[in-house]
Amino acid sequence: MKKILLVEDDPNLGTLLQDYLQLKGKFDVVLCKDGDAGLKEFTKSEYDLLILDVMMPKKDGFTLGKEIRKMNEHVPIIFATAKGMIEDKTLAFNLGGDDYITKPFRIEELLLRINALLKRAASGSAEEEKPTTFKIGKYDFDFTSQVITADGVVQKLSTKEAGLLRLLCLKKNEVLTREEALLNIWNDDNYFNGRSMDVFLSKIRKYLKDDSRVEIINVHGRGYKLLVN
C-alpha cells in the first residue's frame, strides 16, 4: 500500500480527501493540518507521494516543499492551491514540484494525477538504465547530482531543469518534441506547463551560453534540438 502525506489546513476538505483516497485509491493517507506539522511528520516516516496545500498557517506549502526537497529530491509532490496564476505554477515547478492542481478540483482528477505520478516513479528503474552523465561541449552534466561543471565552475540545476536537459542530451542533434518533454517531466502538455517549460529552457540556454559549439534551437511546430558541434 502506497503511503501519502496530505497537508491541508481546511479540516473538511482534508478529511474528505483522506477518506476518498483511502477508500477509492487504497492508499494509506496521513493528514496534517499545517506546514509545521507536515514537516515534522515527513521526517518521521517514508512517503511515496506528498500533497501540499499552498495557503496554510505557520508554514505555507511552497516553503514546506522547498524544505522537503532539501531532504529528499525524488518523492513526488503535488501542490494544491486556490491560486491559478502562471507565476504560481512556475514557482511550484521551480521548487521541485511534480504537479499542480487548482482548487476547486474534482477528487477524481486528483486521483488520476496521483496514479500517474506513482506510475512514473515506479518506472524509474527503467530510466536508471539510461545514461546519467553527459559531455556537452566543454560542459560535464551529471543528471543524478543535477549539476553542470566547466572550467572549475559548478552550476546547480533544479529537478525540472535537470530532467529537461537530460531529455535533450538523450536526443542530441535530434528533435525532442514539445509533447514528449511535457509528458515526461510535467505529466501534462497543457498551456501553463508549456509556458513553464519555456522558462526552464531559457535558463538552460544561459547555463550553456559560454560554449559557441553548443546551441538549443527551436524547431518550429515540433519542439527543440540540442546541437553540439
C-alpha atoms as a PDB file:
ATOM      1  CA  MET A   1       0.000   0.000   0.000  1.00  0.00           C
ATOM      2  CA  LYS A   2       1.404   3.378  -1.062  1.00  0.00           C
ATOM      3  CA  LYS A   3       1.726   5.985   1.674  1.00  0.00           C
ATOM      4  CA  ILE A   4       0.660   9.589   1.065  1.00  0.00           C
ATOM      5  CA  LEU A   5       1.266  12.651   3.229  1.00  0.00           C
ATOM      6  CA  LEU A   6      -1.598  15.141   2.841  1.00  0.00           C
ATOM      7  CA  VAL A   7      -1.019  18.609   4.326  1.00  0.00           C
ATOM      8  CA  GLU A   8      -4.257  20.620   4.194  1.00  0.00           C
ATOM      9  CA  ASP A   9      -5.460  23.238   6.690  1.00  0.00           C
ATOM     10  CA  ASP A  10      -9.160  23.011   5.743  1.00  0.00           C
ATOM     11  CA  PRO A  11     -10.397  20.239   8.080  1.00  0.00           C
ATOM     12  CA  ASN A  12     -13.456  19.407   5.981  1.00  0.00           C
ATOM     13  CA  LEU A  13     -11.557  19.152   2.687  1.00  0.00           C
ATOM     14  CA  GLY A  14      -8.642  17.361   4.341  1.00  0.00           C
ATOM     15  CA  THR A  15     -10.871  14.690   5.872  1.00  0.00           C
ATOM     16  CA  LEU A  16     -12.833  14.305   2.619  1.00  0.00           C
ATOM     17  CA  LEU A  17      -9.647  13.786   0.596  1.00  0.00           C
ATOM     18  CA  GLN A  18      -8.175  11.425   3.163  1.00  0.00           C
ATOM     19  CA  ASP A  19     -11.304   9.243   3.264  1.00  0.00           C
ATOM     20  CA  TYR A  20     -11.705   9.192  -0.532  1.00  0.00           C
ATOM     21  CA  LEU A  21      -8.085   8.321  -1.275  1.00  0.00           C
ATOM     22  CA  GLN A  22      -8.024   5.602   1.340  1.00  0.00           C
ATOM     23  CA  LEU A  23     -11.290   4.107   0.082  1.00  0.00           C
ATOM     24  CA  LYS A  24     -11.014   4.558  -3.704  1.00  0.00           C
ATOM     25  CA  GLY A  25      -7.267   4.686  -4.140  1.00  0.00           C
ATOM     26  CA  LYS A  26      -6.479   2.183  -1.409  1.00  0.00           C
ATOM     27  CA  PHE A  27      -3.717   4.455  -0.083  1.00  0.00           C
ATOM     28  CA  ASP A  28      -2.511   4.929   3.450  1.00  0.00           C
ATOM     29  CA  VAL A  29      -3.068   8.684   3.898  1.00  0.00           C
ATOM     30  CA  VAL A  30      -1.670  10.683   6.818  1.00  0.00           C
ATOM     31  CA  LEU A  31      -3.325  14.105   7.253  1.00  0.00           C
ATOM     32  CA  CYS A  32      -1.570  17.136   8.768  1.00  0.00           C
ATOM     33  CA  LYS A  33      -3.290  20.492   9.258  1.00  0.00           C
ATOM     34  CA  ASP A  34      -0.404  22.937   8.881  1.00  0.00           C
ATOM     35  CA  GLY A  35       3.073  23.175   7.347  1.00  0.00           C
ATOM     36  CA  ASP A  36       4.989  22.729  10.596  1.00  0.00           C
ATOM     37  CA  ALA A  37       3.124  19.534  11.403  1.00  0.00           C
ATOM     38  CA  GLY A  38       3.653  18.328   7.828  1.00  0.00           C
ATOM     39  CA  LEU A  39       7.408  18.816   8.014  1.00  0.00           C
ATOM     40  CA  LYS A  40       7.613  17.078  11.371  1.00  0.00           C
ATOM     41  CA  GLU A  41       5.608  14.121  10.079  1.00  0.00           C
ATOM     42  CA  PHE A  42       7.718  13.849   6.912  1.00  0.00           C
ATOM     43  CA  THR A  43      10.890  13.488   8.974  1.00  0.00           C
ATOM     44  CA  LYS A  44       9.355  10.612  10.949  1.00  0.00           C
ATOM     45  CA  SER A  45       8.324   8.278   8.135  1.00  0.00           C
ATOM     46  CA  GLU A  46       8.829   7.299   4.485  1.00  0.00           C
ATOM     47  CA  TYR A  47       6.241   8.538   1.986  1.00  0.00           C
ATOM     48  CA  ASP A  48       5.558   7.650  -1.641  1.00  0.00           C
ATOM     49  CA  LEU A  49       3.862  10.951  -2.515  1.00  0.00           C
ATOM     50  CA  LEU A  50       3.023  14.332  -0.953  1.00  0.00           C
ATOM     51  CA  ILE A  51       0.012  16.616  -1.470  1.00  0.00           C
ATOM     52  CA  LEU A  52       0.719  20.098  -0.120  1.00  0.00           C
ATOM     53  CA  ASP A  53      -1.831  22.882   0.177  1.00  0.00           C
ATOM     54  CA  VAL A  54      -0.140  26.196  -0.593  1.00  0.00           C
ATOM     55  CA  MET A  55      -2.131  28.646   1.549  1.00  0.00           C
ATOM     56  CA  MET A  56      -1.572  27.373   5.108  1.00  0.00           C
ATOM     57  CA  PRO A  57      -0.813  28.882   8.512  1.00  0.00           C
ATOM     58  CA  LYS A  58       2.589  28.601  10.224  1.00  0.00           C
ATOM     59  CA  LYS A  59       4.338  27.411   7.056  1.00  0.00           C
ATOM     60  CA  ASP A  60       2.941  27.735   3.524  1.00  0.00           C
ATOM     61  CA  GLY A  61       3.076  24.851   1.065  1.00  0.00           C
ATOM     62  CA  PHE A  62       5.785  26.357  -1.126  1.00  0.00           C
ATOM     63  CA  THR A  63       8.086  26.840   1.868  1.00  0.00           C
ATOM     64  CA  LEU A  64       7.307  23.325   3.060  1.00  0.00           C
ATOM     65  CA  GLY A  65       8.022  21.885  -0.382  1.00  0.00           C
ATOM     66  CA  LYS A  66      11.326  23.731  -0.587  1.00  0.00           C
ATOM     67  CA  GLU A  67      12.429  22.383   2.805  1.00  0.00           C
ATOM     68  CA  ILE A  68      11.369  18.839   1.908  1.00  0.00           C
ATOM     69  CA  ARG A  69      13.287  18.997  -1.377  1.00  0.00           C
ATOM     70  CA  LYS A  70      16.473  19.678   0.611  1.00  0.00           C
ATOM     71  CA  MET A  71      15.946  16.345   2.376  1.00  0.00           C
ATOM     72  CA  ASN A  72      14.507  14.311  -0.494  1.00  0.00           C
ATOM     73  CA  GLU A  73      14.910  15.199  -4.184  1.00  0.00           C
ATOM     74  CA  HIS A  74      12.757  12.419  -5.589  1.00  0.00           C
ATOM     75  CA  VAL A  75       9.481  11.995  -3.651  1.00  0.00           C
ATOM     76  CA  PRO A  76       6.637  13.214  -5.927  1.00  0.00           C
ATOM     77  CA  ILE A  77       4.987  16.460  -4.756  1.00  0.00           C
ATOM     78  CA  ILE A  78       1.596  17.809  -5.833  1.00  0.00           C
ATOM     79  CA  PHE A  79       0.863  21.423  -4.870  1.00  0.00           C
ATOM     80  CA  ALA A  80      -2.818  22.310  -4.342  1.00  0.00           C
ATOM     81  CA  THR A  81      -3.977  25.925  -4.150  1.00  0.00           C
ATOM     82  CA  ALA A  82      -6.807  28.289  -4.920  1.00  0.00           C
ATOM     83  CA  LYS A  83      -4.371  30.398  -6.921  1.00  0.00           C
ATOM     84  CA  GLY A  84      -4.226  29.836 -10.666  1.00  0.00           C
ATOM     85  CA  MET A  85      -1.677  32.363 -11.884  1.00  0.00           C
ATOM     86  CA  ILE A  86       1.090  31.222 -14.232  1.00  0.00           C
ATOM     87  CA  GLU A  87       3.620  32.729 -11.806  1.00  0.00           C
ATOM     88  CA  ASP A  88       2.440  30.388  -9.050  1.00  0.00           C
ATOM     89  CA  LYS A  89       2.647  27.380 -11.311  1.00  0.00           C
ATOM     90  CA  THR A  90       6.139  28.346 -12.404  1.00  0.00           C
ATOM     91  CA  LEU A  91       7.160  28.763  -8.764  1.00  0.00           C
ATOM     92  CA  ALA A  92       5.708  25.360  -7.915  1.00  0.00           C
ATOM     93  CA  PHE A  93       7.851  23.650 -10.542  1.00  0.00           C
ATOM     94  CA  ASN A  94      10.914  25.736  -9.728  1.00  0.00           C
ATOM     95  CA  LEU A  95      10.672  24.475  -6.155  1.00  0.00           C
ATOM     96  CA  GLY A  96      10.769  20.885  -7.372  1.00  0.00           C
ATOM     97  CA  GLY A  97       7.056  20.178  -7.564  1.00  0.00           C
ATOM     98  CA  ASP A  98       5.925  17.406  -9.890  1.00  0.00           C
ATOM     99  CA  ASP A  99       2.345  18.559 -10.419  1.00  0.00           C
ATOM    100  CA  TYR A 100      -0.024  21.408  -9.594  1.00  0.00           C
ATOM    101  CA  ILE A 101      -3.784  21.317  -9.139  1.00  0.00           C
ATOM    102  CA  THR A 102      -6.013  24.368  -8.704  1.00  0.00           C
ATOM    103  CA  LYS A 103      -8.936  24.466  -6.272  1.00  0.00           C
ATOM    104  CA  PRO A 104     -11.725  23.740  -6.630  1.00  0.00           C
ATOM    105  CA  PHE A 105     -10.867  20.419  -8.274  1.00  0.00           C
ATOM    106  CA  ARG A 106     -12.607  17.113  -8.763  1.00  0.00           C
ATOM    107  CA  ILE A 107     -11.261  14.452  -6.417  1.00  0.00           C
ATOM    108  CA  GLU A 108     -11.289  12.006  -9.318  1.00  0.00           C
ATOM    109  CA  GLU A 109      -8.859  14.260 -11.169  1.00  0.00           C
ATOM    110  CA  LEU A 110      -6.541  14.340  -8.157  1.00  0.00           C
ATOM    111  CA  LEU A 111      -6.623  10.540  -8.004  1.00  0.00           C
ATOM    112  CA  LEU A 112      -5.679  10.327 -11.690  1.00  0.00           C
ATOM    113  CA  ARG A 113      -2.737  12.670 -11.132  1.00  0.00           C
ATOM    114  CA  ILE A 114      -1.586  10.669  -8.101  1.00  0.00           C
ATOM    115  CA  ASN A 115      -1.703   7.396 -10.021  1.00  0.00           C
ATOM    116  CA  ALA A 116       0.182   8.930 -12.958  1.00  0.00           C
ATOM    117  CA  LEU A 117       2.979  10.230 -10.713  1.00  0.00           C
ATOM    118  CA  LEU A 118       3.271   6.932  -8.842  1.00  0.00           C
ATOM    119  CA  LYS A 119       3.397   5.053 -12.140  1.00  0.00           C
ATOM    120  CA  ARG A 120       6.138   7.353 -13.379  1.00  0.00           C
ATOM    121  CA  ALA A 121       8.078   6.872 -10.140  1.00  0.00           C
ATOM    122  CA  ALA A 122       7.727   3.098 -10.456  1.00  0.00           C
ATOM    123  CA  SER A 123       9.163   3.209 -13.969  1.00  0.00           C
ATOM    124  CA  GLY A 124      12.228   4.988 -12.644  1.00  0.00           C
ATOM    125  CA  SER A 125      14.205   1.760 -12.587  1.00  0.00           C
ATOM    126  CA  ALA A 126      13.950   1.569 -16.370  1.00  0.00           C
ATOM    127  CA  GLU A 127      15.080   5.177 -16.625  1.00  0.00           C
ATOM    128  CA  GLU A 128      18.095   4.380 -14.476  1.00  0.00           C
ATOM    129  CA  GLU A 129      19.412   2.133 -17.253  1.00  0.00           C
ATOM    130  CA  LYS A 130      19.815   5.187 -19.483  1.00  0.00           C
ATOM    131  CA  PRO A 131      22.958   7.343 -19.216  1.00  0.00           C
ATOM    132  CA  THR A 132      23.089   9.863 -16.391  1.00  0.00           C
ATOM    133  CA  THR A 133      26.327  11.671 -17.275  1.00  0.00           C
ATOM    134  CA  PHE A 134      26.868  13.624 -20.485  1.00  0.00           C
ATOM    135  CA  LYS A 135      29.542  15.669 -22.235  1.00  0.00           C
ATOM    136  CA  ILE A 136      28.061  18.823 -23.794  1.00  0.00           C
ATOM    137  CA  GLY A 137      30.862  20.720 -25.490  1.00  0.00           C
ATOM    138  CA  LYS A 138      33.090  21.919 -22.679  1.00  0.00           C
ATOM    139  CA  TYR A 139      30.423  21.137 -20.076  1.00  0.00           C
ATOM    140  CA  ASP A 140      30.051  17.989 -17.981  1.00  0.00           C
ATOM    141  CA  PHE A 141      26.442  17.320 -16.975  1.00  0.00           C
ATOM    142  CA  ASP A 142      25.648  14.938 -14.106  1.00  0.00           C
ATOM    143  CA  PHE A 143      21.910  14.258 -14.070  1.00  0.00           C
ATOM    144  CA  THR A 144      21.967  12.398 -10.745  1.00  0.00           C
ATOM    145  CA  SER A 145      23.764  15.213  -8.938  1.00  0.00           C
ATOM    146  CA  GLN A 146      21.882  17.822 -11.002  1.00  0.00           C
ATOM    147  CA  VAL A 147      24.991  19.848 -11.785  1.00  0.00           C
ATOM    148  CA  ILE A 148      26.803  21.256 -14.818  1.00  0.00           C
ATOM    149  CA  THR A 149      30.553  21.843 -14.477  1.00  0.00           C
ATOM    150  CA  ALA A 150      33.024  23.660 -16.706  1.00  0.00           C
ATOM    151  CA  ASP A 151      36.333  25.388 -16.025  1.00  0.00           C
ATOM    152  CA  GLY A 152      36.002  24.625 -12.332  1.00  0.00           C
ATOM    153  CA  VAL A 153      32.597  26.345 -12.080  1.00  0.00           C
ATOM    154  CA  VAL A 154      29.650  24.292 -10.786  1.00  0.00           C
ATOM    155  CA  GLN A 155      26.084  25.212 -11.752  1.00  0.00           C
ATOM    156  CA  LYS A 156      23.334  23.543  -9.692  1.00  0.00           C
ATOM    157  CA  LEU A 157      20.134  22.683 -11.567  1.00  0.00           C
ATOM    158  CA  SER A 158      16.592  22.278 -10.338  1.00  0.00           C
ATOM    159  CA  THR A 159      14.910  18.896 -10.753  1.00  0.00           C
ATOM    160  CA  LYS A 160      12.913  20.112 -13.765  1.00  0.00           C
ATOM    161  CA  GLU A 161      15.954  21.730 -15.395  1.00  0.00           C
ATOM    162  CA  ALA A 162      17.996  18.549 -14.977  1.00  0.00           C
ATOM    163  CA  GLY A 163      15.206  16.378 -16.362  1.00  0.00           C
ATOM    164  CA  LEU A 164      14.720  18.592 -19.395  1.00  0.00           C
ATOM    165  CA  LEU A 165      18.435  18.809 -20.140  1.00  0.00           C
ATOM    166  CA  ARG A 166      18.753  15.037 -19.850  1.00  0.00           C
ATOM    167  CA  LEU A 167      15.991  14.536 -22.427  1.00  0.00           C
ATOM    168  CA  LEU A 168      17.772  16.936 -24.765  1.00  0.00           C
ATOM    169  CA  CYS A 169      21.067  15.073 -24.236  1.00  0.00           C
ATOM    170  CA  LEU A 170      19.478  11.672 -24.853  1.00  0.00           C
ATOM    171  CA  LYS A 171      18.239  13.034 -28.213  1.00  0.00           C
ATOM    172  CA  LYS A 172      21.308  15.146 -29.008  1.00  0.00           C
ATOM    173  CA  ASN A 173      21.183  16.519 -32.555  1.00  0.00           C
ATOM    174  CA  GLU A 174      17.664  15.114 -32.886  1.00  0.00           C
ATOM    175  CA  VAL A 175      14.266  16.731 -32.282  1.00  0.00           C
ATOM    176  CA  LEU A 176      12.804  16.488 -28.802  1.00  0.00           C
ATOM    177  CA  THR A 177       9.112  17.147 -29.352  1.00  0.00           C
ATOM    178  CA  ARG A 178       7.363  19.596 -27.069  1.00  0.00           C
ATOM    179  CA  GLU A 179       4.737  16.992 -26.183  1.00  0.00           C
ATOM    180  CA  GLU A 180       7.337  14.378 -25.254  1.00  0.00           C
ATOM    181  CA  ALA A 181       9.144  16.786 -22.937  1.00  0.00           C
ATOM    182  CA  LEU A 182       5.954  17.951 -21.230  1.00  0.00           C
ATOM    183  CA  LEU A 183       4.557  14.470 -20.724  1.00  0.00           C
ATOM    184  CA  ASN A 184       7.868  13.087 -19.455  1.00  0.00           C
ATOM    185  CA  ILE A 185       8.583  15.857 -16.968  1.00  0.00           C
ATOM    186  CA  TRP A 186       5.285  17.607 -16.225  1.00  0.00           C
ATOM    187  CA  ASN A 187       2.988  14.664 -16.953  1.00  0.00           C
ATOM    188  CA  ASP A 188       0.658  17.059 -18.803  1.00  0.00           C
ATOM    189  CA  ASP A 189       1.095  19.038 -22.015  1.00  0.00           C
ATOM    190  CA  ASN A 190      -1.290  21.875 -21.154  1.00  0.00           C
ATOM    191  CA  TYR A 191      -0.672  25.559 -21.907  1.00  0.00           C
ATOM    192  CA  PHE A 192       0.541  26.549 -18.438  1.00  0.00           C
ATOM    193  CA  ASN A 193       3.092  23.747 -18.270  1.00  0.00           C
ATOM    194  CA  GLY A 194       4.278  24.733 -21.735  1.00  0.00           C
ATOM    195  CA  ARG A 195       4.909  28.279 -20.532  1.00  0.00           C
ATOM    196  CA  SER A 196       6.811  26.909 -17.536  1.00  0.00           C
ATOM    197  CA  MET A 197       8.973  24.776 -19.796  1.00  0.00           C
ATOM    198  CA  ASP A 198       9.885  27.824 -21.875  1.00  0.00           C
ATOM    199  CA  VAL A 199      11.229  29.448 -18.695  1.00  0.00           C
ATOM    200  CA  PHE A 200      13.362  26.393 -17.919  1.00  0.00           C
ATOM    201  CA  LEU A 201      14.724  26.268 -21.472  1.00  0.00           C
ATOM    202  CA  SER A 202      15.781  29.906 -21.238  1.00  0.00           C
ATOM    203  CA  LYS A 203      17.684  29.131 -18.039  1.00  0.00           C
ATOM    204  CA  ILE A 204      19.399  26.099 -19.568  1.00  0.00           C
ATOM    205  CA  ARG A 205      20.488  28.167 -22.575  1.00  0.00           C
ATOM    206  CA  LYS A 206      22.105  30.664 -20.185  1.00  0.00           C
ATOM    207  CA  TYR A 207      23.954  27.868 -18.390  1.00  0.00           C
ATOM    208  CA  LEU A 208      25.450  26.696 -21.709  1.00  0.00           C
ATOM    209  CA  LYS A 209      25.997  30.089 -23.365  1.00  0.00           C
ATOM    210  CA  ASP A 210      29.792  30.231 -22.932  1.00  0.00           C
ATOM    211  CA  ASP A 211      30.439  27.482 -25.489  1.00  0.00           C
ATOM    212  CA  SER A 212      29.647  28.538 -29.052  1.00  0.00           C
ATOM    213  CA  ARG A 213      29.608  24.889 -30.142  1.00  0.00           C
ATOM    214  CA  VAL A 214      26.503  24.257 -28.025  1.00  0.00           C
ATOM    215  CA  GLU A 215      23.060  25.512 -29.016  1.00  0.00           C
ATOM    216  CA  ILE A 216      19.456  24.672 -28.187  1.00  0.00           C
ATOM    217  CA  ILE A 217      17.262  25.640 -31.134  1.00  0.00           C
ATOM    218  CA  ASN A 218      13.505  25.790 -31.577  1.00  0.00           C
ATOM    219  CA  VAL A 219      12.188  23.536 -34.328  1.00  0.00           C
ATOM    220  CA  HIS A 220       9.057  25.321 -35.487  1.00  0.00           C
ATOM    221  CA  GLY A 221       5.885  23.362 -34.864  1.00  0.00           C
ATOM    222  CA  ARG A 222       7.737  20.391 -33.420  1.00  0.00           C
ATOM    223  CA  GLY A 223       9.972  21.055 -30.435  1.00  0.00           C
ATOM    224  CA  TYR A 224      13.638  21.566 -29.653  1.00  0.00           C
ATOM    225  CA  LYS A 225      17.044  20.277 -30.653  1.00  0.00           C
ATOM    226  CA  LEU A 226      20.318  20.276 -28.728  1.00  0.00           C
ATOM    227  CA  LEU A 227      23.116  20.871 -31.250  1.00  0.00           C
ATOM    228  CA  VAL A 228      26.690  20.083 -30.279  1.00  0.00           C
ATOM    229  CA  ASN A 229      29.320  20.665 -32.968  1.00  0.00           C
END
